[in-house]
C-alpha atoms as a PDB file:
ATOM      1  CA  UNK A   1       1.871 -10.832   4.115  1.00  0.00           C
ATOM      2  CA  UNK A   2      -0.120 -11.538   7.251  1.00  0.00           C
ATOM      3  CA  UNK A   3      -1.470  -8.709   9.384  1.00  0.00           C
ATOM      4  CA  UNK A   4      -2.097  -9.399  13.069  1.00  0.00           C
ATOM      5  CA  UNK A   5      -4.285  -7.326  15.378  1.00  0.00           C
ATOM      6  CA  UNK A   6      -1.804  -4.815  16.845  1.00  0.00           C
ATOM      7  CA  UNK A   7      -3.738  -4.530  20.117  1.00  0.00           C
ATOM      8  CA  UNK A   8      -2.292  -7.903  21.141  1.00  0.00           C
ATOM      9  CA  UNK A   9       1.297  -6.791  20.571  1.00  0.00           C
ATOM     10  CA  UNK A  10       3.502  -5.364  23.324  1.00  0.00           C
ATOM     11  CA  UNK A  11       5.790  -3.561  20.853  1.00  0.00           C
ATOM     12  CA  UNK A  12       3.082  -1.406  19.324  1.00  0.00           C
ATOM     13  CA  UNK A  13       4.124   1.979  17.947  1.00  0.00           C
ATOM     14  CA  UNK A  14       2.092   4.913  16.712  1.00  0.00           C
ATOM     15  CA  UNK A  15       2.783   6.889  13.558  1.00  0.00           C
ATOM     16  CA  UNK A  16       3.484   9.965  15.672  1.00  0.00           C
ATOM     17  CA  UNK A  17       6.101   8.136  17.761  1.00  0.00           C
ATOM     18  CA  UNK A  18       7.606   6.577  14.636  1.00  0.00           C
ATOM     19  CA  UNK A  19       7.935   9.962  12.954  1.00  0.00           C
ATOM     20  CA  UNK A  20       9.647  11.410  16.017  1.00  0.00           C
ATOM     21  CA  UNK A  21      12.048   8.472  16.104  1.00  0.00           C
ATOM     22  CA  UNK A  22      12.779   8.830  12.397  1.00  0.00           C
ATOM     23  CA  UNK A  23      13.491  12.555  12.754  1.00  0.00           C
ATOM     24  CA  UNK A  24      15.736  11.949  15.763  1.00  0.00           C
ATOM     25  CA  UNK A  25      17.710   9.287  13.907  1.00  0.00           C
ATOM     26  CA  UNK A  26      18.034  11.343  10.728  1.00  0.00           C
ATOM     27  CA  UNK A  27      19.147  14.537  12.484  1.00  0.00           C
ATOM     28  CA  UNK A  28      21.580  12.629  14.710  1.00  0.00           C
ATOM     29  CA  UNK A  29      23.347  11.177  11.664  1.00  0.00           C
ATOM     30  CA  UNK A  30      22.929  14.092   9.298  1.00  0.00           C
ATOM     31  CA  UNK A  31      26.553  14.138   8.182  1.00  0.00           C
ATOM     32  CA  UNK A  32      26.708  10.391   7.559  1.00  0.00           C
ATOM     33  CA  UNK A  33      25.729   8.350   4.501  1.00  0.00           C
ATOM     34  CA  UNK A  34      22.192   7.364   5.477  1.00  0.00           C
ATOM     35  CA  UNK A  35      20.534   7.690   2.062  1.00  0.00           C
ATOM     36  CA  UNK A  36      20.500   4.184   0.565  1.00  0.00           C
ATOM     37  CA  UNK A  37      21.333   5.408  -2.936  1.00  0.00           C
ATOM     38  CA  UNK A  38      24.488   7.191  -1.713  1.00  0.00           C
ATOM     39  CA  UNK A  39      27.382   5.976  -3.899  1.00  0.00           C
ATOM     40  CA  UNK A  40      29.562   5.901  -0.773  1.00  0.00           C
ATOM     41  CA  UNK A  41      27.538   2.924   0.445  1.00  0.00           C
ATOM     42  CA  UNK A  42      28.061  -0.630  -0.738  1.00  0.00           C
ATOM     43  CA  UNK A  43      25.145  -2.450  -2.352  1.00  0.00           C
ATOM     44  CA  UNK A  44      24.409  -6.074  -1.667  1.00  0.00           C
ATOM     45  CA  UNK A  45      24.506  -8.886  -4.234  1.00  0.00           C
ATOM     46  CA  UNK A  46      21.759  -9.084  -6.868  1.00  0.00           C
ATOM     47  CA  UNK A  47      18.293  -9.586  -5.394  1.00  0.00           C
ATOM     48  CA  UNK A  48      17.819 -13.162  -6.595  1.00  0.00           C
ATOM     49  CA  UNK A  49      21.147 -14.239  -5.049  1.00  0.00           C
ATOM     50  CA  UNK A  50      20.404 -12.558  -1.709  1.00  0.00           C
ATOM     51  CA  UNK A  51      16.894 -14.007  -1.511  1.00  0.00           C
ATOM     52  CA  UNK A  52      18.171 -17.476  -2.394  1.00  0.00           C
ATOM     53  CA  UNK A  53      20.653 -17.304   0.491  1.00  0.00           C
ATOM     54  CA  UNK A  54      17.772 -17.245   2.998  1.00  0.00           C
ATOM     55  CA  UNK A  55      19.169 -14.212   4.825  1.00  0.00           C
ATOM     56  CA  UNK A  56      16.450 -11.881   3.558  1.00  0.00           C
ATOM     57  CA  UNK A  57      12.761 -12.674   3.370  1.00  0.00           C
ATOM     58  CA  UNK A  58      10.468 -10.689   1.048  1.00  0.00           C
ATOM     59  CA  UNK A  59       7.337  -9.355   2.723  1.00  0.00           C
ATOM     60  CA  UNK A  60       5.557  -9.070  -0.610  1.00  0.00           C
ATOM     61  CA  UNK A  61       6.075  -9.500  -4.337  1.00  0.00           C
ATOM     62  CA  UNK A  62       8.170  -6.958  -6.277  1.00  0.00           C
ATOM     63  CA  UNK A  63       5.884  -4.221  -7.543  1.00  0.00           C
ATOM     64  CA  UNK A  64       5.759  -0.671  -8.891  1.00  0.00           C
ATOM     65  CA  UNK A  65       3.324   2.224  -8.539  1.00  0.00           C
ATOM     66  CA  UNK A  66       2.964   5.820  -9.732  1.00  0.00           C
ATOM     67  CA  UNK A  67       3.710   7.563  -6.424  1.00  0.00           C
ATOM     68  CA  UNK A  68       6.865   8.293  -4.456  1.00  0.00           C
ATOM     69  CA  UNK A  69       7.659   6.297  -1.311  1.00  0.00           C
ATOM     70  CA  UNK A  70      10.111   6.918   1.497  1.00  0.00           C
ATOM     71  CA  UNK A  71      11.179   4.271   4.010  1.00  0.00           C
ATOM     72  CA  UNK A  72      13.041   4.854   7.288  1.00  0.00           C
ATOM     73  CA  UNK A  73      14.439   1.765   9.034  1.00  0.00           C
ATOM     74  CA  UNK A  74      13.640   2.167  12.744  1.00  0.00           C
ATOM     75  CA  UNK A  75      14.718  -1.212  14.062  1.00  0.00           C
ATOM     76  CA  UNK A  76      16.701  -4.166  12.780  1.00  0.00           C
ATOM     77  CA  UNK A  77      18.060  -4.461   9.268  1.00  0.00           C
ATOM     78  CA  UNK A  78      16.339  -4.585   5.945  1.00  0.00           C
ATOM     79  CA  UNK A  79      17.198  -4.555   2.285  1.00  0.00           C
ATOM     80  CA  UNK A  80      15.093  -3.037  -0.440  1.00  0.00           C
ATOM     81  CA  UNK A  81      15.075  -4.599  -3.868  1.00  0.00           C
ATOM     82  CA  UNK A  82      15.577  -1.649  -6.195  1.00  0.00           C
ATOM     83  CA  UNK A  83      15.103  -2.907  -9.747  1.00  0.00           C
ATOM     84  CA  UNK A  84      17.590  -5.814  -9.975  1.00  0.00           C
ATOM     85  CA  UNK A  85      19.752  -5.022  -6.936  1.00  0.00           C
ATOM     86  CA  UNK A  86      19.411  -4.798  -3.169  1.00  0.00           C
ATOM     87  CA  UNK A  87      20.158  -1.678  -1.153  1.00  0.00           C
ATOM     88  CA  UNK A  88      20.846  -2.308   2.566  1.00  0.00           C
ATOM     89  CA  UNK A  89      19.031  -0.389   5.288  1.00  0.00           C
ATOM     90  CA  UNK A  90      20.147  -0.336   8.895  1.00  0.00           C
ATOM     91  CA  UNK A  91      19.080   1.663  11.948  1.00  0.00           C
ATOM     92  CA  UNK A  92      18.239   5.212  10.800  1.00  0.00           C
ATOM     93  CA  UNK A  93      18.821   4.582   7.098  1.00  0.00           C
ATOM     94  CA  UNK A  94      16.450   6.028   4.491  1.00  0.00           C
ATOM     95  CA  UNK A  95      15.554   5.019   0.970  1.00  0.00           C
ATOM     96  CA  UNK A  96      13.613   7.042  -1.576  1.00  0.00           C
ATOM     97  CA  UNK A  97      11.649   5.047  -4.131  1.00  0.00           C
ATOM     98  CA  UNK A  98      10.722   7.159  -7.165  1.00  0.00           C
ATOM     99  CA  UNK A  99       7.477   6.441  -9.025  1.00  0.00           C
ATOM    100  CA  UNK A 100       7.442   3.344 -11.274  1.00  0.00           C
ATOM    101  CA  UNK A 101      10.596   1.777  -9.795  1.00  0.00           C
ATOM    102  CA  UNK A 102      10.251  -1.975  -9.220  1.00  0.00           C
ATOM    103  CA  UNK A 103      10.920  -2.633  -5.548  1.00  0.00           C
ATOM    104  CA  UNK A 104      10.378  -5.118  -2.731  1.00  0.00           C
ATOM    105  CA  UNK A 105      10.907  -4.911   1.040  1.00  0.00           C
ATOM    106  CA  UNK A 106      13.151  -7.718   2.349  1.00  0.00           C
ATOM    107  CA  UNK A 107      13.886  -7.719   6.102  1.00  0.00           C
ATOM    108  CA  UNK A 108      16.246 -10.210   7.671  1.00  0.00           C
ATOM    109  CA  UNK A 109      14.398 -13.480   8.045  1.00  0.00           C
ATOM    110  CA  UNK A 110      15.011 -14.189  11.743  1.00  0.00           C
ATOM    111  CA  UNK A 111      15.264 -10.740  13.354  1.00  0.00           C
ATOM    112  CA  UNK A 112      12.639  -8.155  14.345  1.00  0.00           C
ATOM    113  CA  UNK A 113      12.260  -5.273  11.932  1.00  0.00           C
ATOM    114  CA  UNK A 114      10.342  -2.017  12.092  1.00  0.00           C
ATOM    115  CA  UNK A 115      10.043   0.703   9.466  1.00  0.00           C
ATOM    116  CA  UNK A 116       8.211   3.938   8.829  1.00  0.00           C
ATOM    117  CA  UNK A 117       6.760   4.271   5.333  1.00  0.00           C
ATOM    118  CA  UNK A 118       5.570   7.524   3.773  1.00  0.00           C
ATOM    119  CA  UNK A 119       3.891   7.630   0.365  1.00  0.00           C
ATOM    120  CA  UNK A 120       2.760  10.722  -1.528  1.00  0.00           C
ATOM    121  CA  UNK A 121       1.406  11.520  -4.973  1.00  0.00           C
ATOM    122  CA  UNK A 122       0.662  15.296  -4.826  1.00  0.00           C
ATOM    123  CA  UNK A 123      -2.943  14.485  -3.820  1.00  0.00           C
ATOM    124  CA  UNK A 124      -2.515  12.734  -0.488  1.00  0.00           C
ATOM    125  CA  UNK A 125       0.191  11.693   1.957  1.00  0.00           C
ATOM    126  CA  UNK A 126      -0.097   8.256   3.562  1.00  0.00           C
ATOM    127  CA  UNK A 127       2.138   7.233   6.468  1.00  0.00           C
ATOM    128  CA  UNK A 128       2.205   3.841   8.156  1.00  0.00           C
ATOM    129  CA  UNK A 129       4.371   1.736  10.430  1.00  0.00           C
ATOM    130  CA  UNK A 130       5.285  -1.817   9.484  1.00  0.00           C
ATOM    131  CA  UNK A 131       6.609  -4.312  11.997  1.00  0.00           C
ATOM    132  CA  UNK A 132       7.927  -7.815  11.435  1.00  0.00           C
ATOM    133  CA  UNK A 133       8.776 -10.059  14.339  1.00  0.00           C
ATOM    134  CA  UNK A 134      11.422 -12.747  14.173  1.00  0.00           C
ATOM    135  CA  UNK A 135       8.922 -15.162  12.673  1.00  0.00           C
ATOM    136  CA  UNK A 136       6.400 -14.854   9.853  1.00  0.00           C
ATOM    137  CA  UNK A 137       4.057 -12.122  11.020  1.00  0.00           C
ATOM    138  CA  UNK A 138       4.127  -8.695   9.438  1.00  0.00           C
ATOM    139  CA  UNK A 139       1.977  -6.001  10.961  1.00  0.00           C
ATOM    140  CA  UNK A 140       0.710  -2.704   9.626  1.00  0.00           C
ATOM    141  CA  UNK A 141       0.419  -1.288  13.118  1.00  0.00           C
ATOM    142  CA  UNK A 142      -1.094   2.086  12.401  1.00  0.00           C
ATOM    143  CA  UNK A 143      -1.468   4.571   9.595  1.00  0.00           C
ATOM    144  CA  UNK A 144      -2.658   8.070   8.811  1.00  0.00           C
ATOM    145  CA  UNK A 145      -3.365  10.102   5.711  1.00  0.00           C
ATOM    146  CA  UNK A 146      -3.788  13.736   4.724  1.00  0.00           C
ATOM    147  CA  UNK A 147      -4.594  15.649   1.594  1.00  0.00           C
ATOM    148  CA  UNK A 148      -1.387  17.194   0.281  1.00  0.00           C
ATOM    149  CA  UNK A 149      -1.050  20.886   1.037  1.00  0.00           C
ATOM    150  CA  UNK A 150       1.163  23.454  -0.709  1.00  0.00           C
ATOM    151  CA  UNK A 151       4.164  22.781   1.542  1.00  0.00           C
ATOM    152  CA  UNK A 152       4.020  19.027   0.995  1.00  0.00           C
ATOM    153  CA  UNK A 153       3.764  19.404  -2.764  1.00  0.00           C
ATOM    154  CA  UNK A 154       6.647  21.879  -2.791  1.00  0.00           C
ATOM    155  CA  UNK A 155       8.855  19.422  -0.898  1.00  0.00           C
ATOM    156  CA  UNK A 156       7.779  16.493  -3.092  1.00  0.00           C
ATOM    157  CA  UNK A 157       8.542  18.407  -6.262  1.00  0.00           C
ATOM    158  CA  UNK A 158      12.062  19.246  -5.178  1.00  0.00           C
ATOM    159  CA  UNK A 159      12.920  15.922  -3.588  1.00  0.00           C
ATOM    160  CA  UNK A 160      11.976  14.128  -6.809  1.00  0.00           C
ATOM    161  CA  UNK A 161      14.032  16.540  -8.894  1.00  0.00           C
ATOM    162  CA  UNK A 162      17.094  16.070  -6.701  1.00  0.00           C
ATOM    163  CA  UNK A 163      16.655  12.307  -6.330  1.00  0.00           C
ATOM    164  CA  UNK A 164      16.749  11.635 -10.064  1.00  0.00           C
ATOM    165  CA  UNK A 165      19.195  14.347 -11.077  1.00  0.00           C
ATOM    166  CA  UNK A 166      22.964  14.489 -11.135  1.00  0.00           C
ATOM    167  CA  UNK A 167      23.453  18.017  -9.838  1.00  0.00           C
ATOM    168  CA  UNK A 168      26.267  18.915  -7.471  1.00  0.00           C
ATOM    169  CA  UNK A 169      25.457  18.398  -3.772  1.00  0.00           C
ATOM    170  CA  UNK A 170      22.442  16.325  -4.806  1.00  0.00           C
ATOM    171  CA  UNK A 171      22.463  14.057  -1.753  1.00  0.00           C
ATOM    172  CA  UNK A 172      22.784  17.002   0.635  1.00  0.00           C
ATOM    173  CA  UNK A 173      19.621  18.493  -0.850  1.00  0.00           C
ATOM    174  CA  UNK A 174      17.852  15.121  -0.730  1.00  0.00           C
ATOM    175  CA  UNK A 175      18.665  14.855   2.975  1.00  0.00           C
ATOM    176  CA  UNK A 176      17.275  18.334   3.582  1.00  0.00           C
ATOM    177  CA  UNK A 177      14.027  17.624   1.777  1.00  0.00           C
ATOM    178  CA  UNK A 178      13.593  14.229   3.459  1.00  0.00           C
ATOM    179  CA  UNK A 179      13.904  15.878   6.869  1.00  0.00           C
ATOM    180  CA  UNK A 180      11.465  18.629   5.841  1.00  0.00           C
ATOM    181  CA  UNK A 181       8.946  16.035   4.656  1.00  0.00           C
ATOM    182  CA  UNK A 182       9.160  14.083   7.918  1.00  0.00           C
ATOM    183  CA  UNK A 183       8.895  17.228  10.035  1.00  0.00           C
ATOM    184  CA  UNK A 184       5.962  18.644   8.066  1.00  0.00           C
ATOM    185  CA  UNK A 185       4.099  15.331   8.244  1.00  0.00           C
ATOM    186  CA  UNK A 186       4.682  15.166  11.999  1.00  0.00           C
ATOM    187  CA  UNK A 187       3.435  18.735  12.440  1.00  0.00           C
ATOM    188  CA  UNK A 188       0.228  18.011  10.531  1.00  0.00           C
ATOM    189  CA  UNK A 189      -0.347  14.807  12.470  1.00  0.00           C
ATOM    190  CA  UNK A 190       0.154  16.529  15.830  1.00  0.00           C
ATOM    191  CA  UNK A 191      -2.131  19.389  14.812  1.00  0.00           C
ATOM    192  CA  UNK A 192      -4.900  16.920  14.005  1.00  0.00           C
ATOM    193  CA  UNK A 193      -4.498  14.718  17.061  1.00  0.00           C
ATOM    194  CA  UNK A 194      -6.454  17.086  19.288  1.00  0.00           C
ATOM    195  CA  UNK A 195      -9.546  16.919  17.087  1.00  0.00           C
ATOM    196  CA  UNK A 196      -9.386  13.413  15.613  1.00  0.00           C
ATOM    197  CA  UNK A 197      -6.719  11.338  17.283  1.00  0.00           C
ATOM    198  CA  UNK A 198      -5.966   8.193  15.262  1.00  0.00           C
ATOM    199  CA  UNK A 199      -6.911   4.966  17.000  1.00  0.00           C
ATOM    200  CA  UNK A 200      -6.336   1.375  16.000  1.00  0.00           C
ATOM    201  CA  UNK A 201      -8.476   0.478  13.033  1.00  0.00           C
ATOM    202  CA  UNK A 202      -9.411   4.033  12.001  1.00  0.00           C
ATOM    203  CA  UNK A 203      -6.959   4.255   9.118  1.00  0.00           C
ATOM    204  CA  UNK A 204      -7.638   0.683   8.034  1.00  0.00           C
ATOM    205  CA  UNK A 205     -11.384   1.339   8.229  1.00  0.00           C
ATOM    206  CA  UNK A 206     -10.891   4.382   6.008  1.00  0.00           C
ATOM    207  CA  UNK A 207      -8.953   2.299   3.486  1.00  0.00           C
ATOM    208  CA  UNK A 208     -11.671  -0.380   3.417  1.00  0.00           C
ATOM    209  CA  UNK A 209     -14.405   2.241   3.038  1.00  0.00           C
ATOM    210  CA  UNK A 210     -12.595   3.992   0.183  1.00  0.00           C
ATOM    211  CA  UNK A 211     -12.049   0.691  -1.630  1.00  0.00           C
ATOM    212  CA  UNK A 212     -15.780  -0.033  -1.294  1.00  0.00           C
ATOM    213  CA  UNK A 213     -16.726   3.421  -2.568  1.00  0.00           C
ATOM    214  CA  UNK A 214     -14.391   3.155  -5.530  1.00  0.00           C
ATOM    215  CA  UNK A 215     -15.751  -0.263  -6.500  1.00  0.00           C
ATOM    216  CA  UNK A 216     -19.342   0.992  -6.178  1.00  0.00           C
ATOM    217  CA  UNK A 217     -18.554   3.864  -8.552  1.00  0.00           C
ATOM    218  CA  UNK A 218     -16.467   1.928 -11.097  1.00  0.00           C
ATOM    219  CA  UNK A 219     -17.765  -1.649 -11.145  1.00  0.00           C
ATOM    220  CA  UNK A 220     -18.777  -1.248 -14.790  1.00  0.00           C
ATOM    221  CA  UNK A 221     -15.227  -1.942 -15.930  1.00  0.00           C
ATOM    222  CA  UNK A 222     -12.306  -4.191 -15.107  1.00  0.00           C
ATOM    223  CA  UNK A 223     -10.829  -2.676 -11.918  1.00  0.00           C
ATOM    224  CA  UNK A 224      -7.148  -3.535 -11.375  1.00  0.00           C
ATOM    225  CA  UNK A 225      -5.087  -3.444  -8.187  1.00  0.00           C
ATOM    226  CA  UNK A 226      -2.681  -0.942  -9.735  1.00  0.00           C
ATOM    227  CA  UNK A 227      -5.607   1.412 -10.261  1.00  0.00           C
ATOM    228  CA  UNK A 228      -6.740   1.148  -6.633  1.00  0.00           C
ATOM    229  CA  UNK A 229      -3.164   1.490  -5.409  1.00  0.00           C
ATOM    230  CA  UNK A 230      -2.781   4.715  -7.373  1.00  0.00           C
ATOM    231  CA  UNK A 231      -6.118   6.052  -6.171  1.00  0.00           C
ATOM    232  CA  UNK A 232      -5.445   5.397  -2.470  1.00  0.00           C
ATOM    233  CA  UNK A 233      -1.667   6.000  -2.533  1.00  0.00           C
ATOM    234  CA  UNK A 234      -0.989   2.647  -0.847  1.00  0.00           C
ATOM    235  CA  UNK A 235       1.058  -0.118  -2.470  1.00  0.00           C
ATOM    236  CA  UNK A 236      -1.076  -2.912  -3.853  1.00  0.00           C
ATOM    237  CA  UNK A 237       0.414  -5.547  -1.544  1.00  0.00           C
ATOM    238  CA  UNK A 238      -0.243  -3.515   1.598  1.00  0.00           C
ATOM    239  CA  UNK A 239      -3.657  -2.438   0.345  1.00  0.00           C
ATOM    240  CA  UNK A 240      -4.782  -6.013  -0.235  1.00  0.00           C
ATOM    241  CA  UNK A 241      -3.373  -7.130   3.123  1.00  0.00           C
ATOM    242  CA  UNK A 242      -5.211  -4.349   4.982  1.00  0.00           C
ATOM    243  CA  UNK A 243      -8.462  -5.139   3.199  1.00  0.00           C
ATOM    244  CA  UNK A 244      -8.216  -8.882   3.786  1.00  0.00           C
ATOM    245  CA  UNK A 245      -7.361  -8.430   7.464  1.00  0.00           C
ATOM    246  CA  UNK A 246     -10.463  -6.269   7.923  1.00  0.00           C
ATOM    247  CA  UNK A 247     -12.950  -8.190   5.757  1.00  0.00           C
ATOM    248  CA  UNK A 248     -11.591 -11.722   5.433  1.00  0.00           C
ATOM    249  CA  UNK A 249     -11.417 -11.545   1.638  1.00  0.00           C
ATOM    250  CA  UNK A 250      -9.144 -10.117  -0.996  1.00  0.00           C
ATOM    251  CA  UNK A 251     -10.055  -7.000  -2.937  1.00  0.00           C
ATOM    252  CA  UNK A 252     -10.439  -8.956  -6.179  1.00  0.00           C
ATOM    253  CA  UNK A 253     -12.797 -11.357  -4.427  1.00  0.00           C
ATOM    254  CA  UNK A 254     -14.794  -8.437  -3.036  1.00  0.00           C
ATOM    255  CA  UNK A 255     -15.117  -6.929  -6.522  1.00  0.00           C
ATOM    256  CA  UNK A 256     -16.330 -10.243  -7.938  1.00  0.00           C
ATOM    257  CA  UNK A 257     -18.906 -10.647  -5.166  1.00  0.00           C
ATOM    258  CA  UNK A 258     -20.068  -7.053  -5.623  1.00  0.00           C
ATOM    259  CA  UNK A 259     -20.653  -7.644  -9.337  1.00  0.00           C
ATOM    260  CA  UNK A 260     -22.464 -10.923  -8.712  1.00  0.00           C
ATOM    261  CA  UNK A 261     -24.782  -9.231  -6.205  1.00  0.00           C
ATOM    262  CA  UNK A 262     -25.593  -6.617  -8.841  1.00  0.00           C
ATOM    263  CA  UNK A 263     -26.156  -9.366 -11.399  1.00  0.00           C
ATOM    264  CA  UNK A 264     -28.614 -11.195  -9.110  1.00  0.00           C
ATOM    265  CA  UNK A 265     -30.503  -7.972  -8.504  1.00  0.00           C
ATOM    266  CA  UNK A 266     -30.804  -7.066 -12.190  1.00  0.00           C
ATOM    267  CA  UNK A 267     -31.661 -10.609 -13.261  1.00  0.00           C
ATOM    268  CA  UNK A 268     -34.475 -10.738 -10.723  1.00  0.00           C
ATOM    269  CA  UNK A 269     -35.809  -7.192 -11.039  1.00  0.00           C
ATOM    270  CA  UNK A 270     -35.145  -6.021 -14.602  1.00  0.00           C
ATOM    271  CA  UNK A 271     -35.904  -7.213 -18.090  1.00  0.00           C
ATOM    272  CA  UNK A 272     -32.429  -6.372 -19.373  1.00  0.00           C
ATOM    273  CA  UNK A 273     -30.820  -9.008 -21.547  1.00  0.00           C
ATOM    274  CA  UNK A 274     -27.990 -11.097 -20.139  1.00  0.00           C
ATOM    275  CA  UNK A 275     -25.645  -9.502 -22.654  1.00  0.00           C
ATOM    276  CA  UNK A 276     -26.629  -6.032 -21.439  1.00  0.00           C
ATOM    277  CA  UNK A 277     -26.105  -7.007 -17.792  1.00  0.00           C
ATOM    278  CA  UNK A 278     -22.717  -8.530 -18.603  1.00  0.00           C
ATOM    279  CA  UNK A 279     -21.669  -5.330 -20.369  1.00  0.00           C
ATOM    280  CA  UNK A 280     -22.878  -3.099 -17.536  1.00  0.00           C
ATOM    281  CA  UNK A 281     -20.811  -5.133 -15.066  1.00  0.00           C
ATOM    282  CA  UNK A 282     -17.626  -4.842 -17.104  1.00  0.00           C
ATOM    283  CA  UNK A 283     -17.287  -8.479 -18.188  1.00  0.00           C
ATOM    284  CA  UNK A 284     -15.466  -9.226 -21.429  1.00  0.00           C
ATOM    285  CA  UNK A 285     -18.550 -10.790 -22.996  1.00  0.00           C
ATOM    286  CA  UNK A 286     -21.726 -12.680 -22.193  1.00  0.00           C
ATOM    287  CA  UNK A 287     -19.923 -16.034 -22.206  1.00  0.00           C
ATOM    288  CA  UNK A 288     -17.394 -14.931 -19.580  1.00  0.00           C
ATOM    289  CA  UNK A 289     -20.156 -13.505 -17.408  1.00  0.00           C
ATOM    290  CA  UNK A 290     -22.317 -16.617 -17.663  1.00  0.00           C
ATOM    291  CA  UNK A 291     -19.395 -18.920 -16.922  1.00  0.00           C
ATOM    292  CA  UNK A 292     -18.402 -16.899 -13.834  1.00  0.00           C
ATOM    293  CA  UNK A 293     -21.990 -16.610 -12.641  1.00  0.00           C
ATOM    294  CA  UNK A 294     -22.649 -20.352 -12.889  1.00  0.00           C
ATOM    295  CA  UNK A 295     -19.399 -21.196 -11.130  1.00  0.00           C
ATOM    296  CA  UNK A 296     -20.162 -18.893  -8.200  1.00  0.00           C
ATOM    297  CA  UNK A 297     -23.959 -19.138  -7.935  1.00  0.00           C
ATOM    298  CA  UNK A 298     -24.513 -22.732  -9.064  1.00  0.00           C
ATOM    299  CA  UNK A 299     -26.811 -22.048 -11.990  1.00  0.00           C
ATOM    300  CA  UNK A 300     -26.772 -20.053 -15.207  1.00  0.00           C
ATOM    301  CA  UNK A 301     -28.071 -16.466 -15.357  1.00  0.00           C
ATOM    302  CA  UNK A 302     -31.075 -17.665 -17.361  1.00  0.00           C
ATOM    303  CA  UNK A 303     -31.915 -20.324 -14.766  1.00  0.00           C
ATOM    304  CA  UNK A 304     -31.484 -17.810 -11.945  1.00  0.00           C
ATOM    305  CA  UNK A 305     -33.901 -15.405 -13.659  1.00  0.00           C
ATOM    306  CA  UNK A 306     -36.445 -18.174 -14.196  1.00  0.00           C
ATOM    307  CA  UNK A 307     -36.170 -19.278 -10.574  1.00  0.00           C
ATOM    308  CA  UNK A 308     -36.534 -15.693  -9.350  1.00  0.00           C
ATOM    309  CA  UNK A 309     -39.613 -15.196 -11.524  1.00  0.00           C
ATOM    310  CA  UNK A 310     -41.113 -18.389 -10.129  1.00  0.00           C
ATOM    311  CA  UNK A 311     -40.680 -17.222  -6.547  1.00  0.00           C
ATOM    312  CA  UNK A 312     -42.474 -13.934  -7.220  1.00  0.00           C
ATOM    313  CA  UNK A 313     -45.626 -15.535  -8.616  1.00  0.00           C
END
């Protein structure tokens, strides 16, 4: 997925505006079947058949994560791969994605599409707007995040219970909780706008900073995208796209460069063995570390240490 600078787009939309639009659409159609999992709605063909037809174009690879996500289609038409099937989303439709469900966002290939995404894991709530024009560009226009408060956690608890259960009037309760979640998120966002109004880049800058802080605190082991996604409550595909748009490199590349910088420092300044340095940086073994180091730096760790010692004499 490619992220373009939203300041150059004429169809920009803030999270606050998107939330208001979502609430207006949901309340205006409250009695209709706007929850994508409603059995009254027809599902599309299996995901592989629909994708092969060229009608729908995946924005990212199918993935799963340990937090709940909610998507409201604000413009155009989209389908969400939900395990091995596609659920259609039109104007004002909503889909709830429980934790650990394999899913993928697939808008129509040649039409503009805009959606509000809300993710929550009982620690934080992250909301962002995604726009796709009629071509290849997909934009994360703006985002915001809050620590979950009691009200948010109460809503999340009940919406997850109703979404996965088979109780009578289940969908009616799901609709109620979805609306409550949107309204409560909007209220919190509006309350914070007076003191710290979100501007372009702020949320993305926060994401990049938190990735950097997490890597700095956990570089001694093999950090995976799923781990970062869980920590920041942002899907791995979006997280990597945000990071790359801001820094010009993927998160995995950043982690590798961070470890190599540490390795150079320790090789030049400490007497630790290469095996010890490899272990401290979370490499499988000394061989893997040495192979990676030589490929990236151009010489072996031993040669680098000798060269560094020569320069200090």
